[in-house]
Amino acid sequence: MIQPIIIDIWTDGACKGNPGNGGSAYVILIGDTIYKYAKGEFDTTNNRMELDAVLNAFNVIKSIEIDSKL
């Protein structure tokens, strides 16, 4: 039987002013491995940063070769 792999994802995005300076970040936990990333942008919106964090996290998960022995 195939064991399910649990992937925990935390994301956030924010902006000071709307539009204004903003940032997005994610933390991904797969087994004992943590992937994290944060970035900032000028002249952006809060909604864009929130979506950017989620999309970047999903793209990272797609690119990871997940070991079936987790």
PDB file of N, CA and C in Angstrom:
ATOM      1  N   MET A   1       0.833  -1.178   0.000  1.00  0.00           N
ATOM      2  CA  MET A   1       0.000   0.000   0.000  1.00  0.00           C
ATOM      3  C   MET A   1       0.887   1.255   0.000  1.00  0.00           C
ATOM      4  N   ILE A   2       0.484   2.261  -0.746  1.00  0.00           N
ATOM      5  CA  ILE A   2       1.216   3.514  -0.816  1.00  0.00           C
ATOM      6  C   ILE A   2       0.886   4.352   0.410  1.00  0.00           C
ATOM      7  N   GLN A   3       1.943   4.810   1.087  1.00  0.00           N
ATOM      8  CA  GLN A   3       1.765   5.654   2.262  1.00  0.00           C
ATOM      9  C   GLN A   3       1.546   7.107   1.826  1.00  0.00           C
ATOM     10  N   PRO A   4       0.583   7.780   2.424  1.00  0.00           N
ATOM     11  CA  PRO A   4       0.392   9.193   2.073  1.00  0.00           C
ATOM     12  C   PRO A   4       1.565  10.038   2.566  1.00  0.00           C
ATOM     13  N   ILE A   5       1.882  11.062   1.825  1.00  0.00           N
ATOM     14  CA  ILE A   5       2.937  11.992   2.211  1.00  0.00           C
ATOM     15  C   ILE A   5       2.263  13.286   2.649  1.00  0.00           C
ATOM     16  N   ILE A   6       2.579  13.710   3.846  1.00  0.00           N
ATOM     17  CA  ILE A   6       1.980  14.930   4.378  1.00  0.00           C
ATOM     18  C   ILE A   6       2.903  16.106   4.089  1.00  0.00           C
ATOM     19  N   ILE A   7       2.337  17.128   3.476  1.00  0.00           N
ATOM     20  CA  ILE A   7       3.073  18.342   3.154  1.00  0.00           C
ATOM     21  C   ILE A   7       2.370  19.500   3.852  1.00  0.00           C
ATOM     22  N   ASP A   8       3.085  20.149   4.770  1.00  0.00           N
ATOM     23  CA  ASP A   8       2.544  21.323   5.456  1.00  0.00           C
ATOM     24  C   ASP A   8       3.078  22.573   4.763  1.00  0.00           C
ATOM     25  N   ILE A   9       2.192  23.526   4.492  1.00  0.00           N
ATOM     26  CA  ILE A   9       2.573  24.770   3.825  1.00  0.00           C
ATOM     27  C   ILE A   9       2.008  25.945   4.616  1.00  0.00           C
ATOM     28  N   TRP A  10       2.874  26.924   4.883  1.00  0.00           N
ATOM     29  CA  TRP A  10       2.446  28.179   5.484  1.00  0.00           C
ATOM     30  C   TRP A  10       2.858  29.295   4.540  1.00  0.00           C
ATOM     31  N   THR A  11       1.953  30.197   4.227  1.00  0.00           N
ATOM     32  CA  THR A  11       2.255  31.307   3.324  1.00  0.00           C
ATOM     33  C   THR A  11       1.729  32.612   3.918  1.00  0.00           C
ATOM     34  N   ASP A  12       2.326  33.704   3.483  1.00  0.00           N
ATOM     35  CA  ASP A  12       1.799  35.018   3.849  1.00  0.00           C
ATOM     36  C   ASP A  12       2.306  36.052   2.853  1.00  0.00           C
ATOM     37  N   GLY A  13       1.523  37.070   2.681  1.00  0.00           N
ATOM     38  CA  GLY A  13       1.894  38.198   1.844  1.00  0.00           C
ATOM     39  C   GLY A  13       1.352  39.457   2.480  1.00  0.00           C
ATOM     40  N   ALA A  14       2.063  40.556   2.305  1.00  0.00           N
ATOM     41  CA  ALA A  14       1.625  41.808   2.909  1.00  0.00           C
ATOM     42  C   ALA A  14       2.128  42.976   2.079  1.00  0.00           C
ATOM     43  N   CYS A  15       1.543  44.132   2.342  1.00  0.00           N
ATOM     44  CA  CYS A  15       1.911  45.328   1.604  1.00  0.00           C
ATOM     45  C   CYS A  15       1.690  46.534   2.507  1.00  0.00           C
ATOM     46  N   LYS A  16       2.639  47.470   2.477  1.00  0.00           N
ATOM     47  CA  LYS A  16       2.469  48.716   3.232  1.00  0.00           C
ATOM     48  C   LYS A  16       2.003  49.768   2.247  1.00  0.00           C
ATOM     49  N   GLY A  17       0.759  50.132   2.376  1.00  0.00           N
ATOM     50  CA  GLY A  17       0.108  50.936   1.352  1.00  0.00           C
ATOM     51  C   GLY A  17      -0.449  49.977   0.310  1.00  0.00           C
ATOM     52  N   ASN A  18      -1.366  50.441  -0.482  1.00  0.00           N
ATOM     53  CA  ASN A  18      -1.952  49.536  -1.476  1.00  0.00           C
ATOM     54  C   ASN A  18      -2.318  50.343  -2.720  1.00  0.00           C
ATOM     55  N   PRO A  19      -1.440  50.475  -3.708  1.00  0.00           N
ATOM     56  CA  PRO A  19      -0.160  49.764  -3.839  1.00  0.00           C
ATOM     57  C   PRO A  19       0.939  50.416  -3.006  1.00  0.00           C
ATOM     58  N   GLY A  20       1.981  49.621  -2.802  1.00  0.00           N
ATOM     59  CA  GLY A  20       3.132  50.078  -2.028  1.00  0.00           C
ATOM     60  C   GLY A  20       4.182  48.988  -1.994  1.00  0.00           C
ATOM     61  N   ASN A  21       5.115  49.111  -1.056  1.00  0.00           N
ATOM     62  CA  ASN A  21       6.137  48.084  -0.895  1.00  0.00           C
ATOM     63  C   ASN A  21       5.521  46.882  -0.205  1.00  0.00           C
ATOM     64  N   GLY A  22       5.852  45.685  -0.698  1.00  0.00           N
ATOM     65  CA  GLY A  22       5.265  44.486  -0.129  1.00  0.00           C
ATOM     66  C   GLY A  22       6.232  43.326  -0.129  1.00  0.00           C
ATOM     67  N   GLY A  23       5.769  42.222   0.401  1.00  0.00           N
ATOM     68  CA  GLY A  23       6.591  41.023   0.445  1.00  0.00           C
ATOM     69  C   GLY A  23       5.738  39.782   0.562  1.00  0.00           C
ATOM     70  N   SER A  24       6.355  38.658   0.237  1.00  0.00           N
ATOM     71  CA  SER A  24       5.667  37.373   0.363  1.00  0.00           C
ATOM     72  C   SER A  24       6.663  36.341   0.859  1.00  0.00           C
ATOM     73  N   ALA A  25       6.149  35.300   1.492  1.00  0.00           N
ATOM     74  CA  ALA A  25       7.016  34.255   2.034  1.00  0.00           C
ATOM     75  C   ALA A  25       6.244  32.952   2.143  1.00  0.00           C
ATOM     76  N   TYR A  26       7.004  31.854   2.137  1.00  0.00           N
ATOM     77  CA  TYR A  26       6.404  30.548   2.414  1.00  0.00           C
ATOM     78  C   TYR A  26       7.367  29.708   3.224  1.00  0.00           C
ATOM     79  N   VAL A  27       6.804  28.757   3.956  1.00  0.00           N
ATOM     80  CA  VAL A  27       7.553  27.715   4.641  1.00  0.00           C
ATOM     81  C   VAL A  27       6.859  26.410   4.305  1.00  0.00           C
ATOM     82  N   ILE A  28       7.631  25.432   3.836  1.00  0.00           N
ATOM     83  CA  ILE A  28       7.094  24.123   3.474  1.00  0.00           C
ATOM     84  C   ILE A  28       7.801  23.085   4.332  1.00  0.00           C
ATOM     85  N   LEU A  29       7.039  22.179   4.918  1.00  0.00           N
ATOM     86  CA  LEU A  29       7.596  21.087   5.713  1.00  0.00           C
ATOM     87  C   LEU A  29       7.178  19.771   5.076  1.00  0.00           C
ATOM     88  N   ILE A  30       8.178  18.996   4.652  1.00  0.00           N
ATOM     89  CA  ILE A  30       7.941  17.670   4.092  1.00  0.00           C
ATOM     90  C   ILE A  30       8.829  16.705   4.865  1.00  0.00           C
ATOM     91  N   GLY A  31       8.217  15.869   5.676  1.00  0.00           N
ATOM     92  CA  GLY A  31       9.010  14.993   6.544  1.00  0.00           C
ATOM     93  C   GLY A  31       9.825  15.843   7.501  1.00  0.00           C
ATOM     94  N   ASP A  32      11.150  15.668   7.475  1.00  0.00           N
ATOM     95  CA  ASP A  32      12.048  16.446   8.329  1.00  0.00           C
ATOM     96  C   ASP A  32      12.713  17.593   7.580  1.00  0.00           C
ATOM     97  N   THR A  33      12.311  17.829   6.343  1.00  0.00           N
ATOM     98  CA  THR A  33      12.944  18.841   5.506  1.00  0.00           C
ATOM     99  C   THR A  33      12.097  20.107   5.450  1.00  0.00           C
ATOM    100  N   ILE A  34      12.753  21.240   5.661  1.00  0.00           N
ATOM    101  CA  ILE A  34      12.077  22.541   5.614  1.00  0.00           C
ATOM    102  C   ILE A  34      12.588  23.317   4.415  1.00  0.00           C
ATOM    103  N   TYR A  35      11.657  23.863   3.652  1.00  0.00           N
ATOM    104  CA  TYR A  35      11.964  24.760   2.541  1.00  0.00           C
ATOM    105  C   TYR A  35      11.354  26.104   2.896  1.00  0.00           C
ATOM    106  N   LYS A  36      12.148  27.179   2.773  1.00  0.00           N
ATOM    107  CA  LYS A  36      11.593  28.495   3.095  1.00  0.00           C
ATOM    108  C   LYS A  36      12.150  29.526   2.137  1.00  0.00           C
ATOM    109  N   TYR A  37      11.352  30.568   1.931  1.00  0.00           N
ATOM    110  CA  TYR A  37      11.719  31.597   0.970  1.00  0.00           C
ATOM    111  C   TYR A  37      10.924  32.853   1.269  1.00  0.00           C
ATOM    112  N   ALA A  38      11.556  33.992   1.094  1.00  0.00           N
ATOM    113  CA  ALA A  38      10.873  35.281   1.257  1.00  0.00           C
ATOM    114  C   ALA A  38      11.438  36.252   0.226  1.00  0.00           C
ATOM    115  N   LYS A  39      10.590  37.168  -0.220  1.00  0.00           N
ATOM    116  CA  LYS A  39      11.057  38.186  -1.157  1.00  0.00           C
ATOM    117  C   LYS A  39      10.223  39.441  -0.977  1.00  0.00           C
ATOM    118  N   GLY A  40      10.754  40.554  -1.473  1.00  0.00           N
ATOM    119  CA  GLY A  40      10.058  41.827  -1.421  1.00  0.00           C
ATOM    120  C   GLY A  40       9.950  42.438  -2.807  1.00  0.00           C
ATOM    121  N   GLU A  41       8.987  43.299  -2.971  1.00  0.00           N
ATOM    122  CA  GLU A  41       8.788  43.998  -4.245  1.00  0.00           C
ATOM    123  C   GLU A  41       8.344  45.428  -3.970  1.00  0.00           C
ATOM    124  N   PHE A  42       8.667  46.303  -4.914  1.00  0.00           N
ATOM    125  CA  PHE A  42       8.207  47.686  -4.858  1.00  0.00           C
ATOM    126  C   PHE A  42       6.906  47.805  -5.651  1.00  0.00           C
ATOM    127  N   ASP A  43       6.075  48.736  -5.251  1.00  0.00           N
ATOM    128  CA  ASP A  43       4.862  49.080  -5.999  1.00  0.00           C
ATOM    129  C   ASP A  43       4.022  47.860  -6.349  1.00  0.00           C
ATOM    130  N   THR A  44       3.545  47.191  -5.327  1.00  0.00           N
ATOM    131  CA  THR A  44       2.729  45.995  -5.505  1.00  0.00           C
ATOM    132  C   THR A  44       1.484  46.117  -4.637  1.00  0.00           C
ATOM    133  N   THR A  45       0.659  45.095  -4.640  1.00  0.00           N
ATOM    134  CA  THR A  45      -0.563  45.105  -3.825  1.00  0.00           C
ATOM    135  C   THR A  45      -0.562  43.929  -2.859  1.00  0.00           C
ATOM    136  N   ASN A  46      -1.366  44.041  -1.825  1.00  0.00           N
ATOM    137  CA  ASN A  46      -1.476  42.973  -0.841  1.00  0.00           C
ATOM    138  C   ASN A  46      -1.967  41.680  -1.492  1.00  0.00           C
ATOM    139  N   ASN A  47      -3.005  41.764  -2.318  1.00  0.00           N
ATOM    140  CA  ASN A  47      -3.539  40.558  -2.961  1.00  0.00           C
ATOM    141  C   ASN A  47      -2.490  39.871  -3.820  1.00  0.00           C
ATOM    142  N   ARG A  48      -1.712  40.665  -4.538  1.00  0.00           N
ATOM    143  CA  ARG A  48      -0.671  40.083  -5.391  1.00  0.00           C
ATOM    144  C   ARG A  48       0.370  39.330  -4.556  1.00  0.00           C
ATOM    145  N   MET A  49       0.750  39.879  -3.422  1.00  0.00           N
ATOM    146  CA  MET A  49       1.746  39.241  -2.564  1.00  0.00           C
ATOM    147  C   MET A  49       1.198  37.975  -1.912  1.00  0.00           C
ATOM    148  N   GLU A  50      -0.075  37.992  -1.516  1.00  0.00           N
ATOM    149  CA  GLU A  50      -0.697  36.786  -0.950  1.00  0.00           C
ATOM    150  C   GLU A  50      -0.695  35.654  -1.980  1.00  0.00           C
ATOM    151  N   LEU A  51      -1.115  35.956  -3.201  1.00  0.00           N
ATOM    152  CA  LEU A  51      -1.144  34.940  -4.262  1.00  0.00           C
ATOM    153  C   LEU A  51       0.265  34.508  -4.665  1.00  0.00           C
ATOM    154  N   ASP A  52       1.193  35.440  -4.693  1.00  0.00           N
ATOM    155  CA  ASP A  52       2.576  35.133  -5.051  1.00  0.00           C
ATOM    156  C   ASP A  52       3.169  34.095  -4.095  1.00  0.00           C
ATOM    157  N   ALA A  53       2.901  34.230  -2.812  1.00  0.00           N
ATOM    158  CA  ALA A  53       3.421  33.281  -1.827  1.00  0.00           C
ATOM    159  C   ALA A  53       2.892  31.872  -2.088  1.00  0.00           C
ATOM    160  N   VAL A  54       1.603  31.752  -2.341  1.00  0.00           N
ATOM    161  CA  VAL A  54       0.997  30.442  -2.587  1.00  0.00           C
ATOM    162  C   VAL A  54       1.510  29.828  -3.890  1.00  0.00           C
ATOM    163  N   LEU A  55       1.537  30.618  -4.961  1.00  0.00           N
ATOM    164  CA  LEU A  55       1.997  30.095  -6.241  1.00  0.00           C
ATOM    165  C   LEU A  55       3.459  29.664  -6.187  1.00  0.00           C
ATOM    166  N   ASN A  56       4.307  30.440  -5.525  1.00  0.00           N
ATOM    167  CA  ASN A  56       5.705  30.048  -5.388  1.00  0.00           C
ATOM    168  C   ASN A  56       5.853  28.754  -4.591  1.00  0.00           C
ATOM    169  N   ALA A  57       5.066  28.597  -3.544  1.00  0.00           N
ATOM    170  CA  ALA A  57       5.124  27.359  -2.752  1.00  0.00           C
ATOM    171  C   ALA A  57       4.700  26.163  -3.597  1.00  0.00           C
ATOM    172  N   PHE A  58       3.629  26.294  -4.363  1.00  0.00           N
ATOM    173  CA  PHE A  58       3.188  25.189  -5.222  1.00  0.00           C
ATOM    174  C   PHE A  58       4.232  24.842  -6.273  1.00  0.00           C
ATOM    175  N   ASN A  59       4.881  25.847  -6.848  1.00  0.00           N
ATOM    176  CA  ASN A  59       5.915  25.585  -7.845  1.00  0.00           C
ATOM    177  C   ASN A  59       7.101  24.836  -7.246  1.00  0.00           C
ATOM    178  N   VAL A  60       7.444  25.150  -6.005  1.00  0.00           N
ATOM    179  CA  VAL A  60       8.533  24.431  -5.347  1.00  0.00           C
ATOM    180  C   VAL A  60       8.142  22.977  -5.120  1.00  0.00           C
ATOM    181  N   ILE A  61       6.928  22.742  -4.671  1.00  0.00           N
ATOM    182  CA  ILE A  61       6.483  21.365  -4.426  1.00  0.00           C
ATOM    183  C   ILE A  61       6.509  20.558  -5.712  1.00  0.00           C
ATOM    184  N   LYS A  62       6.112  21.170  -6.825  1.00  0.00           N
ATOM    185  CA  LYS A  62       6.140  20.461  -8.106  1.00  0.00           C
ATOM    186  C   LYS A  62       7.556  20.059  -8.495  1.00  0.00           C
ATOM    187  N   SER A  63       8.550  20.839  -8.097  1.00  0.00           N
ATOM    188  CA  SER A  63       9.922  20.580  -8.516  1.00  0.00           C
ATOM    189  C   SER A  63      10.684  19.634  -7.587  1.00  0.00           C
ATOM    190  N   ILE A  64      10.109  19.301  -6.438  1.00  0.00           N
ATOM    191  CA  ILE A  64      10.793  18.450  -5.463  1.00  0.00           C
ATOM    192  C   ILE A  64      10.525  16.982  -5.785  1.00  0.00           C
ATOM    193  N   GLU A  65      11.596  16.191  -5.788  1.00  0.00           N
ATOM    194  CA  GLU A  65      11.422  14.744  -5.891  1.00  0.00           C
ATOM    195  C   GLU A  65      11.186  14.224  -4.487  1.00  0.00           C
ATOM    196  N   ILE A  66       9.958  13.825  -4.222  1.00  0.00           N
ATOM    197  CA  ILE A  66       9.598  13.379  -2.879  1.00  0.00           C
ATOM    198  C   ILE A  66       9.925  11.908  -2.733  1.00  0.00           C
ATOM    199  N   ASP A  67      10.731  11.619  -1.721  1.00  0.00           N
ATOM    200  CA  ASP A  67      11.142  10.245  -1.453  1.00  0.00           C
ATOM    201  C   ASP A  67       9.954   9.475  -0.888  1.00  0.00           C
ATOM    202  N   SER A  68       9.633   8.354  -1.487  1.00  0.00           N
ATOM    203  CA  SER A  68       8.474   7.578  -1.058  1.00  0.00           C
ATOM    204  C   SER A  68       8.694   6.888   0.279  1.00  0.00           C
ATOM    205  N   LYS A  69       9.904   7.002   0.848  1.00  0.00           N
ATOM    206  CA  LYS A  69      10.195   6.366   2.130  1.00  0.00           C
ATOM    207  C   LYS A  69       9.912   7.268   3.321  1.00  0.00           C
ATOM    208  N   LEU A  70       9.348   8.460   3.089  1.00  0.00           N
ATOM    209  CA  LEU A  70       9.084   9.367   4.207  1.00  0.00           C
ATOM    210  C   LEU A  70       8.175   8.752   5.217  1.00  0.00           C
TER     211      LEU A  70
END
